Amino acid sequence: MRNCNKVTQSFKDVKNLIKSKKARDEQGLFVTEGIKIFSETPMDRVEAVFATAEFANEHPEMIARIPAGTERVLDVRADRFAGISDTKNPQGIIAVVRKKKYTLADILGSAEAGCIDSGAGKGTGQGTAPLIVVLENLQDPGNAGTILRTAEAAGVSGVILTEGSVDLYNPKVIRSTMGCIFRMPHLVVASAEELLPELRAEGITTYAAHLGGSISHFEGDYTGGTAFFIGNESRGLSDELSGKLDVLMKIPMSGKVESLNAAMAAGILMYEAKRQRTVAGQGLLG
């Protein structure tokens, strides 16, 4: 007979991981919830799975994905499941997953295949120039998730956040990434400034969209190693960091708009880089 005390403790552990960044950091675990994210989750990183009996009966193909030996409770009462769920309309499946640790070397080595190699990026090991997004004290979970999704779509090598930013393993961020948390290399650093010496040693030019920028972002050359810096939603980049970057740019805007949403600004820059690299690559092929 199943040990109910152990199951109860497991539910408490899941709830703690959902609510507490400290718990996630200390245990190296996080929680995913829902059919879409479960279908994207690498099963070799799954520690435990909790599902309602209804879900298990309706989605046997999902249950079949769970590796043998993984802790599993597949008959959670719907009301009990709702008590540990972080969503308004639970779909009946939760997984506890191990985090994957990345290094800056991993990010420098993960440039998208097919991008133009200008000779500027030395750290890729694939003959392609890195394209990196650095987030300084970004706070909004939706923005963070959107930036990760856009980064994957635009062929970005990796996303780096400062410690003052939102936790990428916050359940709201996990949901908004739509699974790309498992594919987009990411790293947390104490400060963005500490990255600058190594980025420059790798031939990577540092750019930021900034109200004090002297050129349009269309004038930048992103075919070589490139790092885009995005700041806090309300304060932007810190003055200390802005003063140390290679190029400050403005994104042209009409009307009376003074600034763009952080995720929107990041997306504009990433896709301009993708456009330039695509055009340059076609030029070489032609």
C-alpha atoms as a PDB file:
ATOM      1  CA  MET A   1       0.000   0.000   0.000  1.00  0.00           C
ATOM      2  CA  ARG A   2       1.295   3.444  -0.892  1.00  0.00           C
ATOM      3  CA  ASN A   3       2.807   5.512   1.897  1.00  0.00           C
ATOM      4  CA  CYS A   4       0.365   8.443   2.227  1.00  0.00           C
ATOM      5  CA  ASN A   5       2.753  10.408   4.443  1.00  0.00           C
ATOM      6  CA  LYS A   6       5.421  10.226   1.736  1.00  0.00           C
ATOM      7  CA  VAL A   7       2.952  11.381  -0.919  1.00  0.00           C
ATOM      8  CA  THR A   8       1.799  14.263   1.271  1.00  0.00           C
ATOM      9  CA  GLN A   9       5.408  15.336   1.781  1.00  0.00           C
ATOM     10  CA  SER A  10       5.981  15.127  -1.973  1.00  0.00           C
ATOM     11  CA  PHE A  11       3.036  17.460  -2.558  1.00  0.00           C
ATOM     12  CA  LYS A  12       4.505  19.900  -0.022  1.00  0.00           C
ATOM     13  CA  ASP A  13       7.871  19.743  -1.761  1.00  0.00           C
ATOM     14  CA  VAL A  14       6.249  20.526  -5.115  1.00  0.00           C
ATOM     15  CA  LYS A  15       4.379  23.489  -3.668  1.00  0.00           C
ATOM     16  CA  ASN A  16       7.598  24.761  -2.120  1.00  0.00           C
ATOM     17  CA  LEU A  17       9.420  24.529  -5.447  1.00  0.00           C
ATOM     18  CA  ILE A  18       6.602  26.439  -7.133  1.00  0.00           C
ATOM     19  CA  LYS A  19       6.638  29.255  -4.581  1.00  0.00           C
ATOM     20  CA  SER A  20      10.289  29.537  -3.542  1.00  0.00           C
ATOM     21  CA  LYS A  21      13.245  30.588  -5.699  1.00  0.00           C
ATOM     22  CA  LYS A  22      15.486  29.676  -2.772  1.00  0.00           C
ATOM     23  CA  ALA A  23      14.162  26.108  -2.815  1.00  0.00           C
ATOM     24  CA  ARG A  24      14.663  25.883  -6.581  1.00  0.00           C
ATOM     25  CA  ASP A  25      18.211  27.167  -6.301  1.00  0.00           C
ATOM     26  CA  GLU A  26      19.168  24.936  -3.380  1.00  0.00           C
ATOM     27  CA  GLN A  27      17.694  21.771  -4.877  1.00  0.00           C
ATOM     28  CA  GLY A  28      18.494  22.448  -8.516  1.00  0.00           C
ATOM     29  CA  LEU A  29      14.896  21.562  -9.371  1.00  0.00           C
ATOM     30  CA  PHE A  30      11.864  23.314 -10.810  1.00  0.00           C
ATOM     31  CA  VAL A  31       8.252  22.476 -11.649  1.00  0.00           C
ATOM     32  CA  THR A  32       6.533  22.299 -15.015  1.00  0.00           C
ATOM     33  CA  GLU A  33       2.784  22.013 -15.473  1.00  0.00           C
ATOM     34  CA  GLY A  34       0.523  21.239 -18.391  1.00  0.00           C
ATOM     35  CA  ILE A  35       0.396  19.044 -21.485  1.00  0.00           C
ATOM     36  CA  LYS A  36       2.419  21.293 -23.819  1.00  0.00           C
ATOM     37  CA  ILE A  37       5.365  21.776 -21.495  1.00  0.00           C
ATOM     38  CA  PHE A  38       5.335  18.108 -20.419  1.00  0.00           C
ATOM     39  CA  SER A  39       5.536  17.053 -24.061  1.00  0.00           C
ATOM     40  CA  GLU A  40       8.614  19.298 -24.450  1.00  0.00           C
ATOM     41  CA  THR A  41      10.340  18.190 -21.231  1.00  0.00           C
ATOM     42  CA  PRO A  42      13.455  16.009 -21.623  1.00  0.00           C
ATOM     43  CA  MET A  43      12.455  12.852 -19.770  1.00  0.00           C
ATOM     44  CA  ASP A  44      16.010  12.145 -18.617  1.00  0.00           C
ATOM     45  CA  ARG A  45      15.761  15.232 -16.388  1.00  0.00           C
ATOM     46  CA  VAL A  46      12.432  14.359 -14.768  1.00  0.00           C
ATOM     47  CA  GLU A  47      12.571  13.531 -11.054  1.00  0.00           C
ATOM     48  CA  ALA A  48       8.864  13.011 -10.350  1.00  0.00           C
ATOM     49  CA  VAL A  49       5.469  13.173 -12.058  1.00  0.00           C
ATOM     50  CA  PHE A  50       2.068  13.860 -10.503  1.00  0.00           C
ATOM     51  CA  ALA A  51      -1.127  13.397 -12.499  1.00  0.00           C
ATOM     52  CA  THR A  52      -4.814  12.998 -11.936  1.00  0.00           C
ATOM     53  CA  ALA A  53      -6.395   9.640 -12.746  1.00  0.00           C
ATOM     54  CA  GLU A  54      -8.457  11.388 -15.409  1.00  0.00           C
ATOM     55  CA  PHE A  55      -5.334  12.702 -17.128  1.00  0.00           C
ATOM     56  CA  ALA A  56      -3.609   9.326 -16.937  1.00  0.00           C
ATOM     57  CA  ASN A  57      -6.634   7.631 -18.509  1.00  0.00           C
ATOM     58  CA  GLU A  58      -7.071  10.214 -21.263  1.00  0.00           C
ATOM     59  CA  HIS A  59      -3.372  10.580 -22.150  1.00  0.00           C
ATOM     60  CA  PRO A  60      -1.712   7.167 -21.931  1.00  0.00           C
ATOM     61  CA  GLU A  61       0.852   8.283 -24.511  1.00  0.00           C
ATOM     62  CA  MET A  62       2.054  10.971 -22.093  1.00  0.00           C
ATOM     63  CA  ILE A  63       2.293   8.534 -19.205  1.00  0.00           C
ATOM     64  CA  ALA A  64       4.232   6.143 -21.433  1.00  0.00           C
ATOM     65  CA  ARG A  65       6.945   8.813 -21.793  1.00  0.00           C
ATOM     66  CA  ILE A  66       7.831   8.648 -18.080  1.00  0.00           C
ATOM     67  CA  PRO A  67      11.062   6.660 -17.614  1.00  0.00           C
ATOM     68  CA  ALA A  68      10.959   3.533 -15.507  1.00  0.00           C
ATOM     69  CA  GLY A  69      11.985   4.164 -11.928  1.00  0.00           C
ATOM     70  CA  THR A  70      10.791   7.789 -11.908  1.00  0.00           C
ATOM     71  CA  GLU A  71       8.726   8.708  -8.855  1.00  0.00           C
ATOM     72  CA  ARG A  72       5.130   8.940  -9.977  1.00  0.00           C
ATOM     73  CA  VAL A  73       1.685   9.461  -8.481  1.00  0.00           C
ATOM     74  CA  LEU A  74      -0.915   8.985 -11.208  1.00  0.00           C
ATOM     75  CA  ASP A  75      -4.152   9.029  -9.250  1.00  0.00           C
ATOM     76  CA  VAL A  76      -4.107  12.444  -7.564  1.00  0.00           C
ATOM     77  CA  ARG A  77      -7.617  13.613  -6.702  1.00  0.00           C
ATOM     78  CA  ALA A  78      -8.696  16.616  -8.777  1.00  0.00           C
ATOM     79  CA  ASP A  79      -9.207  18.782  -5.683  1.00  0.00           C
ATOM     80  CA  ARG A  80      -5.822  17.770  -4.292  1.00  0.00           C
ATOM     81  CA  PHE A  81      -4.171  18.496  -7.615  1.00  0.00           C
ATOM     82  CA  ALA A  82      -5.758  21.940  -7.707  1.00  0.00           C
ATOM     83  CA  GLY A  83      -4.205  22.578  -4.311  1.00  0.00           C
ATOM     84  CA  ILE A  84      -0.664  22.197  -5.628  1.00  0.00           C
ATOM     85  CA  SER A  85      -1.292  23.616  -9.100  1.00  0.00           C
ATOM     86  CA  ASP A  86      -0.087  27.113 -10.009  1.00  0.00           C
ATOM     87  CA  THR A  87      -2.703  27.595 -12.740  1.00  0.00           C
ATOM     88  CA  LYS A  88      -6.381  28.569 -12.687  1.00  0.00           C
ATOM     89  CA  ASN A  89      -7.393  25.684 -14.934  1.00  0.00           C
ATOM     90  CA  PRO A  90      -5.090  22.734 -14.168  1.00  0.00           C
ATOM     91  CA  GLN A  91      -4.622  20.225 -16.976  1.00  0.00           C
ATOM     92  CA  GLY A  92      -3.797  17.385 -14.591  1.00  0.00           C
ATOM     93  CA  ILE A  93      -0.047  16.869 -15.071  1.00  0.00           C
ATOM     94  CA  ILE A  94       2.922  18.243 -13.106  1.00  0.00           C
ATOM     95  CA  ALA A  95       6.589  17.279 -13.342  1.00  0.00           C
ATOM     96  CA  VAL A  96       9.568  18.035 -11.103  1.00  0.00           C
ATOM     97  CA  VAL A  97      12.574  18.590 -13.367  1.00  0.00           C
ATOM     98  CA  ARG A  98      16.317  19.016 -12.831  1.00  0.00           C
ATOM     99  CA  LYS A  99      17.815  22.292 -13.974  1.00  0.00           C
ATOM    100  CA  LYS A 100      20.520  22.204 -16.624  1.00  0.00           C
ATOM    101  CA  LYS A 101      23.635  24.246 -15.903  1.00  0.00           C
ATOM    102  CA  TYR A 102      25.229  26.230 -18.704  1.00  0.00           C
ATOM    103  CA  THR A 103      28.492  28.157 -18.856  1.00  0.00           C
ATOM    104  CA  LEU A 104      29.480  31.134 -20.972  1.00  0.00           C
ATOM    105  CA  ALA A 105      31.599  28.719 -23.012  1.00  0.00           C
ATOM    106  CA  ASP A 106      28.450  26.712 -23.757  1.00  0.00           C
ATOM    107  CA  ILE A 107      26.700  29.835 -25.003  1.00  0.00           C
ATOM    108  CA  LEU A 108      29.644  30.934 -27.102  1.00  0.00           C
ATOM    109  CA  GLY A 109      29.681  27.488 -28.645  1.00  0.00           C
ATOM    110  CA  SER A 110      26.013  27.276 -29.532  1.00  0.00           C
ATOM    111  CA  ALA A 111      25.666  29.770 -32.390  1.00  0.00           C
ATOM    112  CA  GLU A 112      22.991  28.807 -34.896  1.00  0.00           C
ATOM    113  CA  ALA A 113      24.264  26.692 -37.764  1.00  0.00           C
ATOM    114  CA  GLY A 114      23.997  28.532 -41.052  1.00  0.00           C
ATOM    115  CA  CYS A 115      24.683  32.024 -39.740  1.00  0.00           C
ATOM    116  CA  ILE A 116      27.369  34.060 -41.443  1.00  0.00           C
ATOM    117  CA  ASP A 117      30.881  33.761 -40.018  1.00  0.00           C
ATOM    118  CA  SER A 118      32.544  37.153 -40.188  1.00  0.00           C
ATOM    119  CA  GLY A 119      35.673  35.943 -38.430  1.00  0.00           C
ATOM    120  CA  ALA A 120      34.786  38.026 -35.378  1.00  0.00           C
ATOM    121  CA  GLY A 121      33.452  35.203 -33.221  1.00  0.00           C
ATOM    122  CA  LYS A 122      36.302  32.953 -32.111  1.00  0.00           C
ATOM    123  CA  GLY A 123      34.526  31.041 -29.369  1.00  0.00           C
ATOM    124  CA  THR A 124      31.889  29.089 -31.267  1.00  0.00           C
ATOM    125  CA  GLY A 125      33.860  26.108 -32.417  1.00  0.00           C
ATOM    126  CA  GLN A 126      31.383  25.929 -35.335  1.00  0.00           C
ATOM    127  CA  GLY A 127      32.695  28.720 -37.550  1.00  0.00           C
ATOM    128  CA  THR A 128      29.735  30.960 -36.700  1.00  0.00           C
ATOM    129  CA  ALA A 129      29.597  34.248 -34.829  1.00  0.00           C
ATOM    130  CA  PRO A 130      27.807  34.258 -31.448  1.00  0.00           C
ATOM    131  CA  LEU A 131      24.617  36.262 -30.992  1.00  0.00           C
ATOM    132  CA  ILE A 132      23.867  36.837 -27.302  1.00  0.00           C
ATOM    133  CA  VAL A 133      21.169  38.682 -25.355  1.00  0.00           C
ATOM    134  CA  VAL A 134      22.050  40.028 -21.887  1.00  0.00           C
ATOM    135  CA  LEU A 135      19.221  41.067 -19.544  1.00  0.00           C
ATOM    136  CA  GLU A 136      20.086  43.457 -16.719  1.00  0.00           C
ATOM    137  CA  ASN A 137      17.575  43.368 -13.854  1.00  0.00           C
ATOM    138  CA  LEU A 138      14.632  42.402 -16.071  1.00  0.00           C
ATOM    139  CA  GLN A 139      11.641  41.862 -13.768  1.00  0.00           C
ATOM    140  CA  ASP A 140       8.569  40.782 -15.691  1.00  0.00           C
ATOM    141  CA  PRO A 141       8.059  36.997 -16.124  1.00  0.00           C
ATOM    142  CA  GLY A 142       6.155  37.510 -19.366  1.00  0.00           C
ATOM    143  CA  ASN A 143       8.951  39.602 -20.836  1.00  0.00           C
ATOM    144  CA  ALA A 144      11.563  37.032 -19.859  1.00  0.00           C
ATOM    145  CA  GLY A 145       9.598  34.171 -21.391  1.00  0.00           C
ATOM    146  CA  THR A 146       8.881  36.120 -24.567  1.00  0.00           C
ATOM    147  CA  ILE A 147      12.544  37.037 -24.961  1.00  0.00           C
ATOM    148  CA  LEU A 148      13.604  33.395 -24.622  1.00  0.00           C
ATOM    149  CA  ARG A 149      11.045  32.274 -27.210  1.00  0.00           C
ATOM    150  CA  THR A 150      12.028  35.045 -29.617  1.00  0.00           C
ATOM    151  CA  ALA A 151      15.707  34.292 -29.027  1.00  0.00           C
ATOM    152  CA  GLU A 152      15.234  30.691 -30.100  1.00  0.00           C
ATOM    153  CA  ALA A 153      13.265  31.749 -33.169  1.00  0.00           C
ATOM    154  CA  ALA A 154      15.904  34.328 -34.142  1.00  0.00           C
ATOM    155  CA  GLY A 155      18.835  31.922 -33.795  1.00  0.00           C
ATOM    156  CA  VAL A 156      20.353  33.473 -30.679  1.00  0.00           C
ATOM    157  CA  SER A 157      23.237  31.549 -29.090  1.00  0.00           C
ATOM    158  CA  GLY A 158      22.129  32.152 -25.506  1.00  0.00           C
ATOM    159  CA  VAL A 159      20.455  34.466 -23.018  1.00  0.00           C
ATOM    160  CA  ILE A 160      22.282  35.798 -19.948  1.00  0.00           C
ATOM    161  CA  LEU A 161      20.545  37.403 -16.958  1.00  0.00           C
ATOM    162  CA  THR A 162      21.903  39.286 -13.971  1.00  0.00           C
ATOM    163  CA  GLU A 163      21.066  38.097 -10.469  1.00  0.00           C
ATOM    164  CA  GLY A 164      18.636  40.980 -10.027  1.00  0.00           C
ATOM    165  CA  SER A 165      16.431  39.642 -12.827  1.00  0.00           C
ATOM    166  CA  VAL A 166      13.325  37.483 -12.596  1.00  0.00           C
ATOM    167  CA  ASP A 167      14.032  33.792 -11.998  1.00  0.00           C
ATOM    168  CA  LEU A 168      13.786  31.912 -15.296  1.00  0.00           C
ATOM    169  CA  TYR A 169      12.452  28.921 -13.337  1.00  0.00           C
ATOM    170  CA  ASN A 170       9.545  30.905 -11.942  1.00  0.00           C
ATOM    171  CA  PRO A 171       6.430  28.950 -13.055  1.00  0.00           C
ATOM    172  CA  LYS A 172       5.085  32.001 -14.915  1.00  0.00           C
ATOM    173  CA  VAL A 173       8.295  32.261 -16.918  1.00  0.00           C
ATOM    174  CA  ILE A 174       8.350  28.515 -17.589  1.00  0.00           C
ATOM    175  CA  ARG A 175       4.817  28.660 -19.004  1.00  0.00           C
ATOM    176  CA  SER A 176       5.565  31.668 -21.188  1.00  0.00           C
ATOM    177  CA  THR A 177       8.659  30.033 -22.710  1.00  0.00           C
ATOM    178  CA  MET A 178       6.432  27.322 -24.226  1.00  0.00           C
ATOM    179  CA  GLY A 179       9.201  24.743 -23.881  1.00  0.00           C
ATOM    180  CA  CYS A 180      12.180  26.730 -25.138  1.00  0.00           C
ATOM    181  CA  ILE A 181      13.576  26.829 -21.571  1.00  0.00           C
ATOM    182  CA  PHE A 182      14.819  23.321 -22.453  1.00  0.00           C
ATOM    183  CA  ARG A 183      16.500  24.397 -25.684  1.00  0.00           C
ATOM    184  CA  MET A 184      17.809  27.947 -25.240  1.00  0.00           C
ATOM    185  CA  PRO A 185      21.132  28.072 -23.339  1.00  0.00           C
ATOM    186  CA  HIS A 186      20.890  30.483 -20.403  1.00  0.00           C
ATOM    187  CA  LEU A 187      23.097  31.707 -17.617  1.00  0.00           C
ATOM    188  CA  VAL A 188      22.833  33.913 -14.530  1.00  0.00           C
ATOM    189  CA  VAL A 189      25.734  36.213 -13.585  1.00  0.00           C
ATOM    190  CA  ALA A 190      26.295  38.560 -10.659  1.00  0.00           C
ATOM    191  CA  SER A 191      26.557  41.611 -12.935  1.00  0.00           C
ATOM    192  CA  ALA A 192      26.566  42.336 -16.645  1.00  0.00           C
ATOM    193  CA  GLU A 193      29.861  44.197 -16.325  1.00  0.00           C
ATOM    194  CA  GLU A 194      31.725  41.013 -15.456  1.00  0.00           C
ATOM    195  CA  LEU A 195      30.936  39.645 -18.914  1.00  0.00           C
ATOM    196  CA  LEU A 196      32.548  42.474 -20.850  1.00  0.00           C
ATOM    197  CA  PRO A 197      36.237  41.414 -20.737  1.00  0.00           C
ATOM    198  CA  GLU A 198      35.492  37.886 -21.958  1.00  0.00           C
ATOM    199  CA  LEU A 199      33.055  39.051 -24.618  1.00  0.00           C
ATOM    200  CA  ARG A 200      35.629  41.472 -25.980  1.00  0.00           C
ATOM    201  CA  ALA A 201      38.337  38.809 -25.854  1.00  0.00           C
ATOM    202  CA  GLU A 202      36.066  36.743 -28.108  1.00  0.00           C
ATOM    203  CA  GLY A 203      35.662  39.606 -30.581  1.00  0.00           C
ATOM    204  CA  ILE A 204      32.045  40.251 -29.592  1.00  0.00           C
ATOM    205  CA  THR A 205      30.717  43.806 -29.993  1.00  0.00           C
ATOM    206  CA  THR A 206      28.351  44.988 -27.255  1.00  0.00           C
ATOM    207  CA  TYR A 207      25.223  46.948 -28.254  1.00  0.00           C
ATOM    208  CA  ALA A 208      22.262  48.425 -26.432  1.00  0.00           C
ATOM    209  CA  ALA A 209      19.080  50.197 -27.439  1.00  0.00           C
ATOM    210  CA  HIS A 210      19.346  53.390 -25.388  1.00  0.00           C
ATOM    211  CA  LEU A 211      17.665  56.789 -25.303  1.00  0.00           C
ATOM    212  CA  GLY A 212      21.125  58.326 -25.486  1.00  0.00           C
ATOM    213  CA  GLY A 213      22.072  56.345 -28.578  1.00  0.00           C
ATOM    214  CA  SER A 214      23.792  58.250 -31.386  1.00  0.00           C
ATOM    215  CA  ILE A 215      22.831  55.927 -34.272  1.00  0.00           C
ATOM    216  CA  SER A 216      19.785  54.004 -35.432  1.00  0.00           C
ATOM    217  CA  HIS A 217      19.794  50.271 -34.721  1.00  0.00           C
ATOM    218  CA  PHE A 218      19.597  49.808 -38.505  1.00  0.00           C
ATOM    219  CA  GLU A 219      23.141  51.199 -38.743  1.00  0.00           C
ATOM    220  CA  GLY A 220      24.735  48.541 -36.564  1.00  0.00           C
ATOM    221  CA  ASP A 221      26.571  45.570 -38.082  1.00  0.00           C
ATOM    222  CA  TYR A 222      25.480  42.368 -36.363  1.00  0.00           C
ATOM    223  CA  THR A 223      27.011  39.834 -38.752  1.00  0.00           C
ATOM    224  CA  GLY A 224      29.972  39.397 -36.427  1.00  0.00           C
ATOM    225  CA  GLY A 225      29.972  38.400 -32.770  1.00  0.00           C
ATOM    226  CA  THR A 226      27.184  40.436 -31.186  1.00  0.00           C
ATOM    227  CA  ALA A 227      25.742  40.933 -27.704  1.00  0.00           C
ATOM    228  CA  PHE A 228      22.551  42.943 -27.181  1.00  0.00           C
ATOM    229  CA  PHE A 229      22.005  44.380 -23.689  1.00  0.00           C
ATOM    230  CA  ILE A 230      18.434  44.959 -22.478  1.00  0.00           C
ATOM    231  CA  GLY A 231      17.669  46.789 -19.239  1.00  0.00           C
ATOM    232  CA  ASN A 232      15.025  46.937 -16.563  1.00  0.00           C
ATOM    233  CA  GLU A 233      11.484  47.652 -17.783  1.00  0.00           C
ATOM    234  CA  SER A 234      11.145  50.976 -15.951  1.00  0.00           C
ATOM    235  CA  ARG A 235      14.753  52.148 -15.524  1.00  0.00           C
ATOM    236  CA  GLY A 236      16.494  50.735 -18.571  1.00  0.00           C
ATOM    237  CA  LEU A 237      20.171  49.875 -18.402  1.00  0.00           C
ATOM    238  CA  SER A 238      22.194  51.210 -15.505  1.00  0.00           C
ATOM    239  CA  ASP A 239      24.377  54.216 -16.315  1.00  0.00           C
ATOM    240  CA  GLU A 240      27.442  52.309 -15.149  1.00  0.00           C
ATOM    241  CA  LEU A 241      26.847  49.525 -17.652  1.00  0.00           C
ATOM    242  CA  SER A 242      25.742  51.791 -20.505  1.00  0.00           C
ATOM    243  CA  GLY A 243      28.974  53.745 -20.263  1.00  0.00           C
ATOM    244  CA  LYS A 244      31.018  50.583 -20.812  1.00  0.00           C
ATOM    245  CA  LEU A 245      29.251  49.206 -23.891  1.00  0.00           C
ATOM    246  CA  ASP A 246      30.669  49.613 -27.391  1.00  0.00           C
ATOM    247  CA  VAL A 247      27.618  51.053 -29.162  1.00  0.00           C
ATOM    248  CA  LEU A 248      24.436  52.757 -27.926  1.00  0.00           C
ATOM    249  CA  MET A 249      21.629  52.883 -30.495  1.00  0.00           C
ATOM    250  CA  LYS A 250      18.120  54.222 -30.841  1.00  0.00           C
ATOM    251  CA  ILE A 251      15.216  52.253 -32.265  1.00  0.00           C
ATOM    252  CA  PRO A 252      13.403  54.798 -34.475  1.00  0.00           C
ATOM    253  CA  MET A 253       9.885  55.577 -33.235  1.00  0.00           C
ATOM    254  CA  SER A 254       7.089  57.730 -34.571  1.00  0.00           C
ATOM    255  CA  GLY A 255       4.458  59.608 -32.635  1.00  0.00           C
ATOM    256  CA  LYS A 256       4.953  60.507 -28.982  1.00  0.00           C
ATOM    257  CA  VAL A 257       6.206  57.092 -27.833  1.00  0.00           C
ATOM    258  CA  GLU A 258       9.361  57.449 -25.765  1.00  0.00           C
ATOM    259  CA  SER A 259      10.301  53.806 -25.292  1.00  0.00           C
ATOM    260  CA  LEU A 260       9.283  50.264 -26.180  1.00  0.00           C
ATOM    261  CA  ASN A 261       8.455  47.253 -24.060  1.00  0.00           C
ATOM    262  CA  ALA A 262      11.681  45.403 -23.172  1.00  0.00           C
ATOM    263  CA  ALA A 263      10.659  42.206 -24.943  1.00  0.00           C
ATOM    264  CA  MET A 264       9.591  44.149 -28.034  1.00  0.00           C
ATOM    265  CA  ALA A 265      12.888  46.050 -28.162  1.00  0.00           C
ATOM    266  CA  ALA A 266      14.843  42.828 -27.739  1.00  0.00           C
ATOM    267  CA  GLY A 267      12.829  41.173 -30.509  1.00  0.00           C
ATOM    268  CA  ILE A 268      13.471  44.031 -32.920  1.00  0.00           C
ATOM    269  CA  LEU A 269      17.215  43.812 -32.334  1.00  0.00           C
ATOM    270  CA  MET A 270      17.363  40.017 -32.550  1.00  0.00           C
ATOM    271  CA  TYR A 271      15.460  39.923 -35.807  1.00  0.00           C
ATOM    272  CA  GLU A 272      17.522  42.711 -37.345  1.00  0.00           C
ATOM    273  CA  ALA A 273      20.570  40.584 -36.551  1.00  0.00           C
ATOM    274  CA  LYS A 274      18.883  37.534 -38.088  1.00  0.00           C
ATOM    275  CA  ARG A 275      17.989  39.547 -41.194  1.00  0.00           C
ATOM    276  CA  GLN A 276      21.552  40.809 -41.627  1.00  0.00           C
ATOM    277  CA  ARG A 277      23.044  37.360 -41.142  1.00  0.00           C
ATOM    278  CA  THR A 278      20.587  35.782 -43.542  1.00  0.00           C
ATOM    279  CA  VAL A 279      21.314  38.390 -46.220  1.00  0.00           C
ATOM    280  CA  ALA A 280      25.076  38.092 -45.702  1.00  0.00           C
ATOM    281  CA  GLY A 281      24.872  34.315 -45.896  1.00  0.00           C
ATOM    282  CA  GLN A 282      22.876  34.456 -49.129  1.00  0.00           C
ATOM    283  CA  GLY A 283      25.463  36.857 -50.515  1.00  0.00           C
ATOM    284  CA  LEU A 284      28.247  34.394 -49.801  1.00  0.00           C
ATOM    285  CA  LEU A 285      26.299  31.520 -51.296  1.00  0.00           C
ATOM    286  CA  GLY A 286      25.577  33.567 -54.408  1.00  0.00           C
END
